[in-house]
Amino acid sequence: MNTRRNFLGAAAALVAASAASRNALATAPEPYSQTSADTAAPRHPQAGRPYNPVVTLNGWSLPFRMNNGVKEFHLVTEPVVREIAPGMTAKLWGYNGSSPGPTIEAVEGDRVRIFVTNRLPEHTSVHWHGILLPNGMDGVGGLNQPQIKPGQTFVYEFVLKHPGTFMYHPHADEMVQMAMGAMGFLVVHPKNPRFMPVDRDYVFLINAYDIDPGSSVPRISTMLDFNLWTWNSRAFPGIAPLVARTGDRVRIRMGNLTMTNHPIHLHGHAFEVAGTDGGWVPKGARWPEVTVDIAVGQMRAIEFIADNPGDWAFHCHKSHHTMNAMGHSVPTMIGVQQDDLAPKLQKLLPDYMPMGSNGMAEMTEMEMPLPDNTLPMMTGRGPYGSVEMGGMFSVLKVRDNLAPGSYKDPGWYRMPPGTQAHAVSTDIPSAATDPSEPQSTPDTLQVRKPMQHQH
C-alpha cells in the first residue's frame, strides 16, 4: 500500500476555480491507494471505537483518521487497471486504485466524514446504498446534490445509526460508471463488539462485465449477456480461497450489483441467513440453507460453523456464471461427428480444432489459441486435474491445523484413507452409447385417447 504524497498539490491545481473544492481538499485526509488484487489482512482500528474487522476477498479496507471525534475517509474515484485473473487485465473505473473500491469500516454511532475526489473524465456522485441518512447526503446527482465535476472534491458527513452491511456506488451516469466497476462496500460494526461475534468475517461484491475477447474495456451498453461473472472483479482461478480453522464461526457478506440474481451455493456446510440490507435477522427467524438467492441490489450475510474439514466448492449455481468469456451463439455439437470434416477444415484453417461432440469438458485440456488478454472459458486446476470452472467460483478451505487468525492458503486438502471416491472394476456393462450410432425408435406412436365421459 502506498500514499499519494504529490496528490494534494496536483488536485489543488485541478480545482483552482472552485473555492469550495479547495477548502474541502485542504482539510481532507491523505488518500491511500492499493492496486494489488491480493486479499489484505484485516485492518484493526488504531483509533475510535473498537470493532472486529472484516476481510475483503481480493480487496482491502480504507484507512481513516480521527478528527475531533469524527472518522474521516478519502475516496478518489478514477480509472484503474484490474487483473481479472492471471492472464487478463481490464481497464475499469474504481476508487483509490482498485475496483471495487476499498471497504469502508466504521461503528454504529460514529459520525463519518467522507471526502470524494473525482478523477474520472465525467461528473459523478456517491450513493450510500442502504444507509439511513439526511436527504442531502444520499448522493443522487441532480436530485440531492450537484454533480461532482472532474477535479472537484465533495464531502459527505452523517451519523451511522444502524449496524449492518451496505454498499456505495455512483448515482450519476449509473449504467456507465457501475458497468465500468465503480462500487464498494461499507460495513457498520455494532457498537458492542461482543454482539454476534464471529471468528472470520468475509465480504465481497458480486459484479459482472462484458469484455470482448482480446479487449480490456467493458461494453457499457450490455444489459444481460455478460461474459465475465466476477466476485470483487475477479474470476476463477483469480478468486482467492476463503480459509477457516475447524470449529470457527464464519460469516460471509455478499452484495449484488449485477443485472441479475445469483443463487450462491456452499458445499459441505449448512448455513443461516444472518443479515440483509435492512439489518440483522433475529436468531429465531433464521433457518438452515445451503443456497441463498441474492437479488439485484441486495446484500446477504450468511453464518455457519466450519466443522467439516476439506476443500469445499463455493459458487453461483447458475451454471453459465461459473464460466468465462463464451459466445452466446455457439452451436451445440453434441453427437455431431467431425472426424471426417476436421482434416479438410484444417487445410484451410490450420488452427481449427473440432470440439463439442461429446460435451465441452475437452476444451479445458486443449491448448486453444486465444486472443491476447483473454481468459479460457473453463480454467483452474485442482490436485486431480482441471476443475472445469471459471467466473463466480471459489473454495472454502477448512483445516484442523490452521493457525488462529491466519488467512494463508493452506494448499490442497488430503483426504483421510477411505474417505474419497475412487474407480473400481466391475462386470456391469457400460450404459454409455456411441453417439454416432442411430438410436432405435418406434416406427409409429400408439396414442390412447381418453374415453368420452358417459352420462
Protein backbone atom coordinates (compact mmCIF):
# COMPACT_ATOMS: atom_id res chain seq x y z
CA MET A 1 0.00 0.00 0.00
CA ASN A 2 1.27 3.48 -0.77
CA THR A 3 0.11 7.07 -0.19
CA ARG A 4 -0.05 9.63 -2.97
CA ARG A 5 2.28 12.23 -1.49
CA ASN A 6 2.05 14.50 -4.50
CA PHE A 7 -1.70 14.24 -4.78
CA LEU A 8 -2.69 17.28 -2.69
CA GLY A 9 -0.78 19.77 -4.81
CA ALA A 10 -1.88 18.24 -8.11
CA ALA A 11 -5.52 18.05 -7.05
CA ALA A 12 -5.46 21.63 -5.76
CA ALA A 13 -4.33 22.80 -9.18
CA LEU A 14 -7.19 20.94 -10.80
CA VAL A 15 -9.81 22.64 -8.61
CA ALA A 16 -8.38 26.14 -8.54
CA ALA A 17 -11.62 27.52 -9.96
CA SER A 18 -13.72 26.19 -7.08
CA ALA A 19 -13.26 27.69 -3.61
CA ALA A 20 -15.43 25.01 -2.05
CA SER A 21 -13.33 22.26 -3.57
CA ARG A 22 -10.09 23.95 -2.49
CA ASN A 23 -11.29 24.24 1.07
CA ALA A 24 -12.52 20.65 1.16
CA LEU A 25 -9.27 19.30 -0.24
CA ALA A 26 -7.19 21.36 2.15
CA THR A 27 -8.81 19.60 5.11
CA ALA A 28 -9.11 16.11 3.61
CA PRO A 29 -7.01 13.20 4.87
CA GLU A 30 -4.37 11.92 2.52
CA PRO A 31 -5.85 9.39 0.08
CA TYR A 32 -4.49 5.86 0.26
CA SER A 33 -4.18 3.66 -2.82
CA GLN A 34 -3.95 -0.09 -3.39
CA THR A 35 -3.60 -1.75 -6.78
CA SER A 36 -2.87 -5.33 -5.71
CA ALA A 37 -5.65 -7.91 -6.16
CA ASP A 38 -4.44 -9.93 -3.17
CA THR A 39 -6.63 -10.35 -0.10
CA ALA A 40 -5.32 -7.94 2.52
CA ALA A 41 -5.16 -8.88 6.19
CA PRO A 42 -7.90 -7.50 8.43
CA ARG A 43 -7.25 -3.88 9.40
CA HIS A 44 -7.69 -3.49 13.15
CA PRO A 45 -8.68 0.03 14.26
CA GLN A 46 -5.92 2.20 15.69
CA ALA A 47 -8.34 4.84 16.97
CA GLY A 48 -12.01 5.33 17.68
CA ARG A 49 -14.41 2.68 18.92
CA PRO A 50 -13.17 -0.94 18.87
CA TYR A 51 -14.55 -3.43 16.33
CA ASN A 52 -13.78 -6.81 14.82
CA PRO A 53 -12.63 -6.05 11.24
CA VAL A 54 -13.75 -7.80 8.08
CA VAL A 55 -11.61 -9.41 5.40
CA THR A 56 -12.39 -8.21 1.87
CA LEU A 57 -11.92 -11.06 -0.62
CA ASN A 58 -9.26 -9.92 -3.12
CA GLY A 59 -9.51 -6.47 -1.58
CA TRP A 60 -8.68 -4.19 1.34
CA SER A 61 -10.11 -1.74 3.88
CA LEU A 62 -9.60 2.02 3.65
CA PRO A 63 -7.57 3.65 6.46
CA PHE A 64 -9.14 6.57 8.30
CA ARG A 65 -8.11 9.32 10.68
CA MET A 66 -9.89 10.75 13.72
CA ASN A 67 -10.53 14.50 13.65
CA ASN A 68 -12.20 15.93 16.77
CA GLY A 69 -14.23 12.77 17.23
CA VAL A 70 -15.17 12.43 13.54
CA LYS A 71 -13.94 9.46 11.50
CA GLU A 72 -12.58 10.78 8.18
CA PHE A 73 -12.03 8.83 4.93
CA HIS A 74 -10.90 9.93 1.47
CA LEU A 75 -12.23 8.20 -1.65
CA VAL A 76 -10.74 9.00 -5.04
CA THR A 77 -12.81 7.80 -8.00
CA GLU A 78 -10.57 7.22 -11.00
CA PRO A 79 -9.67 4.90 -13.91
CA VAL A 80 -7.91 1.75 -12.68
CA VAL A 81 -6.41 -1.42 -14.13
CA ARG A 82 -7.69 -4.63 -12.52
CA GLU A 83 -6.37 -8.15 -13.00
CA ILE A 84 -9.49 -10.28 -13.50
CA ALA A 85 -7.40 -13.47 -13.29
CA PRO A 86 -3.82 -14.32 -14.24
CA GLY A 87 -3.54 -13.68 -17.97
CA MET A 88 -6.15 -10.94 -18.21
CA THR A 89 -6.47 -7.34 -17.04
CA ALA A 90 -9.34 -4.92 -17.56
CA LYS A 91 -9.43 -1.13 -17.76
CA LEU A 92 -12.11 -0.21 -15.24
CA TRP A 93 -13.29 2.68 -13.09
CA GLY A 94 -12.94 2.36 -9.35
CA TYR A 95 -11.73 4.04 -6.20
CA ASN A 96 -8.25 4.50 -4.73
CA GLY A 97 -6.52 2.30 -7.28
CA SER A 98 -8.86 -0.70 -7.18
CA SER A 99 -12.19 -1.95 -8.46
CA PRO A 100 -14.23 -2.49 -6.42
CA GLY A 101 -13.03 0.29 -4.20
CA PRO A 102 -11.78 -0.31 -0.66
CA THR A 103 -14.19 -1.39 2.06
CA ILE A 104 -15.10 1.41 4.46
CA GLU A 105 -15.40 0.18 8.07
CA ALA A 106 -16.92 2.17 10.89
CA VAL A 107 -19.02 1.62 14.04
CA GLU A 108 -22.65 2.19 14.91
CA GLY A 109 -22.98 5.72 16.28
CA ASP A 110 -19.86 7.02 14.50
CA ARG A 111 -20.02 10.35 12.75
CA VAL A 112 -18.16 9.86 9.46
CA ARG A 113 -16.86 12.45 7.04
CA ILE A 114 -16.09 11.01 3.61
CA PHE A 115 -14.24 13.17 1.09
CA VAL A 116 -14.77 12.17 -2.55
CA THR A 117 -12.37 13.45 -5.20
CA ASN A 118 -13.36 12.92 -8.84
CA ARG A 119 -10.59 11.93 -11.24
CA LEU A 120 -12.92 10.44 -13.85
CA PRO A 121 -13.37 12.10 -17.25
CA GLU A 122 -17.01 12.93 -16.38
CA HIS A 123 -19.02 14.07 -13.37
CA THR A 124 -20.01 11.61 -10.65
CA SER A 125 -21.60 11.28 -7.20
CA VAL A 126 -21.63 8.63 -4.46
CA HIS A 127 -24.78 6.98 -3.11
CA TRP A 128 -24.53 5.18 0.24
CA HIS A 129 -26.72 2.18 -0.60
CA GLY A 130 -28.89 1.17 2.38
CA ILE A 131 -27.61 3.82 4.81
CA LEU A 132 -30.30 5.91 6.54
CA LEU A 133 -29.04 9.50 6.46
CA PRO A 134 -30.07 13.13 5.76
CA ASN A 135 -31.57 13.63 2.31
CA GLY A 136 -28.80 15.95 1.17
CA MET A 137 -26.20 13.22 1.79
CA ASP A 138 -27.93 10.48 -0.25
CA GLY A 139 -25.76 11.13 -3.30
CA VAL A 140 -28.23 11.14 -6.21
CA GLY A 141 -26.72 13.66 -8.60
CA GLY A 142 -29.19 16.33 -9.72
CA LEU A 143 -31.75 15.34 -7.06
CA ASN A 144 -29.93 15.65 -3.74
CA GLN A 145 -26.75 17.48 -4.78
CA PRO A 146 -24.91 19.00 -7.73
CA GLN A 147 -22.79 16.52 -9.67
CA ILE A 148 -19.14 16.22 -8.65
CA LYS A 149 -17.33 17.57 -11.69
CA PRO A 150 -13.93 16.25 -12.80
CA GLY A 151 -11.29 17.66 -10.45
CA GLN A 152 -13.74 18.57 -7.70
CA THR A 153 -13.84 17.23 -4.16
CA PHE A 154 -17.14 16.93 -2.28
CA VAL A 155 -17.60 15.94 1.34
CA TYR A 156 -20.36 13.75 2.81
CA GLU A 157 -20.98 13.76 6.55
CA PHE A 158 -23.53 11.74 8.54
CA VAL A 159 -24.01 9.59 11.64
CA LEU A 160 -24.18 5.82 11.18
CA LYS A 161 -27.34 4.97 13.10
CA HIS A 162 -27.64 1.26 12.33
CA PRO A 163 -25.13 -1.61 12.18
CA GLY A 164 -25.06 -3.79 9.08
CA THR A 165 -23.57 -4.30 5.65
CA PHE A 166 -24.07 -1.68 2.95
CA MET A 167 -22.64 -0.62 -0.40
CA TYR A 168 -21.54 2.56 -2.15
CA HIS A 169 -21.72 3.35 -5.86
CA PRO A 170 -22.34 6.31 -8.19
CA HIS A 171 -25.80 7.71 -8.83
CA ALA A 172 -24.56 9.63 -11.85
CA ASP A 173 -24.42 8.13 -15.35
CA GLU A 174 -25.00 4.99 -13.31
CA MET A 175 -25.21 2.48 -16.16
CA VAL A 176 -21.79 3.52 -17.43
CA GLN A 177 -19.98 4.01 -14.16
CA MET A 178 -21.21 0.83 -12.48
CA ALA A 179 -20.66 -1.17 -15.67
CA MET A 180 -17.08 0.09 -15.51
CA GLY A 181 -16.68 -1.21 -11.93
CA ALA A 182 -17.24 1.84 -9.69
CA MET A 183 -18.61 0.37 -6.44
CA GLY A 184 -17.54 -0.69 -2.96
CA PHE A 185 -18.67 -1.94 0.47
CA LEU A 186 -19.47 -0.02 3.66
CA VAL A 187 -19.58 -2.10 6.85
CA VAL A 188 -21.05 -0.63 10.02
CA HIS A 189 -19.99 -2.70 13.01
CA PRO A 190 -22.19 -2.95 16.13
CA LYS A 191 -21.35 -0.60 19.00
CA ASN A 192 -20.84 -3.64 21.21
CA PRO A 193 -18.02 -5.74 19.64
CA ARG A 194 -19.36 -8.78 21.55
CA PHE A 195 -22.66 -8.62 19.63
CA MET A 196 -22.89 -11.59 17.22
CA PRO A 197 -19.12 -12.20 17.16
CA VAL A 198 -17.54 -14.47 14.55
CA ASP A 199 -14.02 -15.79 14.09
CA ARG A 200 -13.80 -14.90 10.39
CA ASP A 201 -15.82 -12.22 8.63
CA TYR A 202 -15.52 -12.16 4.82
CA VAL A 203 -17.05 -9.61 2.45
CA PHE A 204 -17.21 -9.31 -1.35
CA LEU A 205 -19.29 -7.73 -4.11
CA ILE A 206 -20.91 -9.70 -6.92
CA ASN A 207 -20.34 -7.90 -10.22
CA ALA A 208 -20.11 -8.71 -13.93
CA TYR A 209 -18.58 -7.40 -17.14
CA ASP A 210 -18.94 -7.82 -20.88
CA ILE A 211 -15.45 -7.62 -22.36
CA ASP A 212 -14.84 -8.78 -25.92
CA PRO A 213 -12.06 -11.39 -26.30
CA GLY A 214 -8.79 -9.60 -26.87
CA SER A 215 -10.17 -6.36 -25.44
CA SER A 216 -9.83 -4.78 -21.98
CA VAL A 217 -12.65 -2.23 -21.75
CA PRO A 218 -16.18 -3.34 -20.76
CA ARG A 219 -19.07 -2.92 -23.18
CA ILE A 220 -21.21 -0.50 -21.19
CA SER A 221 -24.37 -0.98 -23.29
CA THR A 222 -24.78 -4.65 -22.31
CA MET A 223 -27.99 -5.33 -20.39
CA LEU A 224 -27.95 -9.08 -19.65
CA ASP A 225 -25.48 -11.01 -21.83
CA PHE A 226 -22.34 -10.56 -19.75
CA ASN A 227 -19.40 -12.89 -20.34
CA LEU A 228 -17.31 -12.35 -17.20
CA TRP A 229 -19.09 -13.14 -13.94
CA THR A 230 -16.93 -11.98 -11.05
CA TRP A 231 -16.59 -11.56 -7.30
CA ASN A 232 -14.84 -8.31 -6.46
CA SER A 233 -13.92 -8.01 -10.15
CA ARG A 234 -12.11 -11.37 -10.11
CA ALA A 235 -12.94 -14.60 -11.96
CA PHE A 236 -11.82 -18.11 -11.02
CA PRO A 237 -9.00 -19.07 -10.66
CA GLY A 238 -8.26 -15.47 -9.72
CA ILE A 239 -10.71 -15.50 -6.79
CA ALA A 240 -8.89 -16.19 -3.53
CA PRO A 241 -9.97 -19.11 -1.32
CA LEU A 242 -11.85 -18.48 1.90
CA VAL A 243 -9.93 -20.21 4.69
CA ALA A 244 -11.14 -21.21 8.14
CA ARG A 245 -9.95 -23.23 11.11
CA THR A 246 -12.09 -26.22 12.07
CA GLY A 247 -14.67 -25.02 14.58
CA ASP A 248 -14.52 -21.35 13.53
CA ARG A 249 -17.74 -19.43 13.24
CA VAL A 250 -17.62 -17.89 9.75
CA ARG A 251 -19.62 -15.01 8.31
CA ILE A 252 -19.69 -14.23 4.58
CA ARG A 253 -21.27 -10.94 3.48
CA MET A 254 -22.20 -10.63 -0.22
CA GLY A 255 -23.67 -7.68 -2.12
CA ASN A 256 -25.11 -7.96 -5.64
CA LEU A 257 -24.59 -5.07 -8.06
CA THR A 258 -25.10 -7.06 -11.28
CA MET A 259 -28.14 -7.10 -13.59
CA THR A 260 -29.49 -10.46 -12.38
CA ASN A 261 -29.94 -12.61 -9.28
CA HIS A 262 -27.35 -15.12 -8.04
CA PRO A 263 -28.10 -18.34 -6.09
CA ILE A 264 -24.89 -18.69 -4.08
CA HIS A 265 -24.27 -22.30 -3.03
CA LEU A 266 -21.87 -23.67 -0.41
CA HIS A 267 -20.74 -27.32 -0.32
CA GLY A 268 -20.11 -29.27 2.86
CA HIS A 269 -21.97 -26.99 5.28
CA ALA A 270 -25.42 -25.68 6.08
CA PHE A 271 -25.69 -22.01 6.96
CA GLU A 272 -28.20 -19.45 8.17
CA VAL A 273 -29.01 -16.08 6.59
CA ALA A 274 -27.94 -13.78 9.41
CA GLY A 275 -28.23 -10.37 7.75
CA THR A 276 -29.87 -8.41 4.94
CA ASP A 277 -29.58 -4.83 3.68
CA GLY A 278 -32.10 -3.88 6.38
CA GLY A 279 -30.09 -5.25 9.30
CA TRP A 280 -29.51 -8.42 11.29
CA VAL A 281 -32.01 -11.28 11.25
CA PRO A 282 -33.09 -12.33 14.78
CA LYS A 283 -31.94 -15.85 15.60
CA GLY A 284 -35.50 -17.06 16.00
CA ALA A 285 -36.29 -16.06 12.41
CA ARG A 286 -33.40 -17.92 10.74
CA TRP A 287 -33.49 -21.31 9.05
CA PRO A 288 -30.84 -23.63 7.58
CA GLU A 289 -29.91 -23.37 3.91
CA VAL A 290 -27.13 -24.45 1.57
CA THR A 291 -28.04 -21.91 -1.16
CA VAL A 292 -29.07 -18.27 -0.81
CA ASP A 293 -30.51 -16.28 -3.70
CA ILE A 294 -29.30 -12.68 -3.82
CA ALA A 295 -31.40 -10.34 -5.96
CA VAL A 296 -30.17 -7.22 -7.73
CA GLY A 297 -29.19 -4.52 -5.27
CA GLN A 298 -29.45 -6.84 -2.27
CA MET A 299 -26.98 -7.87 0.41
CA ARG A 300 -26.98 -11.13 2.33
CA ALA A 301 -24.80 -12.24 5.24
CA ILE A 302 -24.59 -15.96 5.96
CA GLU A 303 -23.12 -17.65 9.04
CA PHE A 304 -22.05 -21.22 9.78
CA ILE A 305 -19.66 -23.30 11.86
CA ALA A 306 -16.76 -24.61 9.77
CA ASP A 307 -16.99 -28.12 11.19
CA ASN A 308 -16.24 -30.20 8.08
CA PRO A 309 -12.55 -30.19 7.04
CA GLY A 310 -11.79 -30.17 3.33
CA ASP A 311 -11.78 -28.10 0.16
CA TRP A 312 -15.42 -27.15 -0.42
CA ALA A 313 -16.75 -25.53 -3.59
CA PHE A 314 -18.45 -22.15 -3.13
CA HIS A 315 -20.10 -20.73 -6.23
CA CYS A 316 -23.08 -19.25 -8.04
CA HIS A 317 -25.42 -22.07 -9.05
CA LYS A 318 -26.29 -20.58 -12.43
CA SER A 319 -24.04 -22.83 -14.48
CA HIS A 320 -23.07 -20.20 -17.04
CA HIS A 321 -21.94 -17.92 -14.21
CA THR A 322 -19.10 -20.35 -13.45
CA MET A 323 -17.66 -19.91 -16.95
CA ASN A 324 -15.58 -17.19 -18.53
CA ALA A 325 -15.98 -15.49 -21.90
CA MET A 326 -18.10 -17.53 -24.30
CA GLY A 327 -20.23 -16.52 -27.28
CA HIS A 328 -23.95 -16.92 -26.72
CA SER A 329 -24.49 -18.17 -30.27
CA VAL A 330 -22.10 -21.14 -30.10
CA PRO A 331 -23.95 -24.13 -31.65
CA THR A 332 -24.47 -27.38 -29.74
CA MET A 333 -22.32 -30.05 -31.42
CA ILE A 334 -23.04 -32.98 -29.08
CA GLY A 335 -23.48 -36.13 -31.18
CA VAL A 336 -22.13 -34.47 -34.33
CA GLN A 337 -19.09 -36.38 -35.60
CA GLN A 338 -16.45 -34.09 -37.10
CA ASP A 339 -13.63 -36.56 -37.72
CA ASP A 340 -14.04 -36.58 -41.49
CA LEU A 341 -14.57 -32.83 -41.71
CA ALA A 342 -11.75 -31.68 -39.44
CA PRO A 343 -8.80 -32.53 -41.76
CA LYS A 344 -10.44 -30.64 -44.62
CA LEU A 345 -11.06 -27.57 -42.48
CA GLN A 346 -7.55 -27.65 -41.08
CA LYS A 347 -6.14 -27.33 -44.58
CA LEU A 348 -7.94 -24.00 -44.84
CA LEU A 349 -7.71 -23.05 -41.15
CA PRO A 350 -4.58 -24.60 -39.59
CA ASP A 351 -5.68 -23.61 -36.06
CA TYR A 352 -9.14 -25.19 -36.37
CA MET A 353 -9.90 -27.67 -33.57
CA PRO A 354 -13.03 -29.82 -33.60
CA MET A 355 -14.80 -29.75 -30.26
CA GLY A 356 -18.10 -30.29 -28.53
CA SER A 357 -19.01 -33.70 -30.00
CA ASN A 358 -19.00 -35.26 -26.53
CA GLY A 359 -19.54 -32.15 -24.43
CA MET A 360 -17.38 -29.13 -23.61
CA ALA A 361 -15.09 -30.59 -20.93
CA GLU A 362 -12.46 -31.39 -23.57
CA MET A 363 -11.90 -27.67 -24.02
CA THR A 364 -10.15 -27.47 -20.64
CA GLU A 365 -7.39 -29.76 -21.88
CA MET A 366 -6.97 -28.18 -25.30
CA GLU A 367 -4.28 -25.64 -25.98
CA MET A 368 -6.63 -23.47 -27.97
CA PRO A 369 -5.13 -20.29 -29.40
CA LEU A 370 -6.83 -17.32 -27.76
CA PRO A 371 -6.52 -13.59 -28.38
CA ASP A 372 -4.19 -11.77 -26.02
CA ASN A 373 -5.79 -10.70 -22.73
CA THR A 374 -8.50 -13.37 -22.92
CA LEU A 375 -9.36 -15.98 -20.29
CA PRO A 376 -10.22 -19.57 -21.26
CA MET A 377 -13.90 -20.44 -20.92
CA MET A 378 -13.19 -23.00 -18.18
CA THR A 379 -9.93 -22.90 -16.30
CA GLY A 380 -8.26 -23.50 -12.96
CA ARG A 381 -6.66 -26.73 -11.83
CA GLY A 382 -7.03 -28.75 -8.67
CA PRO A 383 -4.94 -31.62 -7.31
CA TYR A 384 -6.70 -34.12 -9.61
CA GLY A 385 -6.89 -32.15 -12.86
CA SER A 386 -8.96 -29.36 -14.32
CA VAL A 387 -11.73 -28.04 -12.09
CA GLU A 388 -13.61 -27.03 -15.27
CA MET A 389 -14.85 -23.80 -13.73
CA GLY A 390 -14.46 -20.09 -14.25
CA GLY A 391 -16.34 -16.99 -13.18
CA MET A 392 -18.05 -16.99 -9.77
CA PHE A 393 -16.30 -19.91 -8.15
CA SER A 394 -14.02 -20.24 -5.15
CA VAL A 395 -13.12 -22.76 -2.46
CA LEU A 396 -13.81 -22.76 1.27
CA LYS A 397 -10.72 -24.39 2.83
CA VAL A 398 -11.38 -25.74 6.33
CA ARG A 399 -8.36 -27.12 8.24
CA ASP A 400 -7.76 -28.51 11.71
CA ASN A 401 -4.21 -27.17 11.87
CA LEU A 402 -4.79 -23.66 10.54
CA ALA A 403 -3.33 -21.10 12.93
CA PRO A 404 -5.89 -18.81 14.61
CA GLY A 405 -6.06 -15.54 12.69
CA SER A 406 -4.14 -16.92 9.70
CA TYR A 407 -5.52 -16.30 6.22
CA LYS A 408 -2.71 -18.02 4.33
CA ASP A 409 -3.78 -20.56 1.68
CA PRO A 410 -3.10 -23.96 3.30
CA GLY A 411 -2.78 -25.78 -0.04
CA TRP A 412 -4.89 -28.73 -1.17
CA TYR A 413 -6.69 -30.97 1.30
CA ARG A 414 -5.51 -34.55 1.81
CA MET A 415 -8.46 -36.86 2.34
CA PRO A 416 -8.14 -39.41 5.14
CA PRO A 417 -7.90 -43.03 3.88
CA GLY A 418 -11.24 -44.48 2.90
CA THR A 419 -12.99 -41.11 2.50
CA GLN A 420 -12.53 -40.43 -1.22
CA ALA A 421 -14.45 -41.72 -4.24
CA HIS A 422 -12.32 -43.98 -6.46
CA ALA A 423 -12.54 -46.19 -9.51
CA VAL A 424 -13.41 -49.88 -9.17
CA SER A 425 -13.54 -52.81 -11.59
CA THR A 426 -16.96 -54.36 -12.15
CA ASP A 427 -18.69 -56.72 -14.57
CA ILE A 428 -21.53 -54.27 -15.11
CA PRO A 429 -21.76 -53.33 -18.81
CA SER A 430 -21.33 -49.68 -19.59
CA ALA A 431 -24.53 -47.71 -20.06
CA ALA A 432 -22.79 -45.33 -22.43
CA THR A 433 -23.77 -45.45 -26.08
CA ASP A 434 -21.90 -44.38 -29.16
CA PRO A 435 -23.46 -41.06 -30.21
CA SER A 436 -22.61 -41.88 -33.84
CA GLU A 437 -24.86 -44.96 -33.77
CA PRO A 438 -28.51 -44.37 -34.66
CA GLN A 439 -30.79 -44.94 -31.73
CA SER A 440 -33.78 -47.23 -32.16
CA THR A 441 -37.14 -45.51 -32.09
CA PRO A 442 -40.59 -46.96 -32.64
CA ASP A 443 -41.90 -46.73 -36.20
CA THR A 444 -45.25 -45.49 -35.02
CA LEU A 445 -46.58 -43.97 -31.86
CA GLN A 446 -49.59 -45.55 -30.23
CA VAL A 447 -51.89 -42.88 -28.86
CA ARG A 448 -54.66 -43.83 -26.50
CA LYS A 449 -57.39 -41.22 -26.28
CA PRO A 450 -59.46 -40.90 -23.13
CA MET A 451 -62.93 -42.38 -23.43
CA GLN A 452 -65.78 -39.97 -23.67
CA HIS A 453 -67.44 -39.39 -20.35
CA GLN A 454 -70.66 -41.33 -20.03
CA HIS A 455 -73.63 -39.56 -18.50
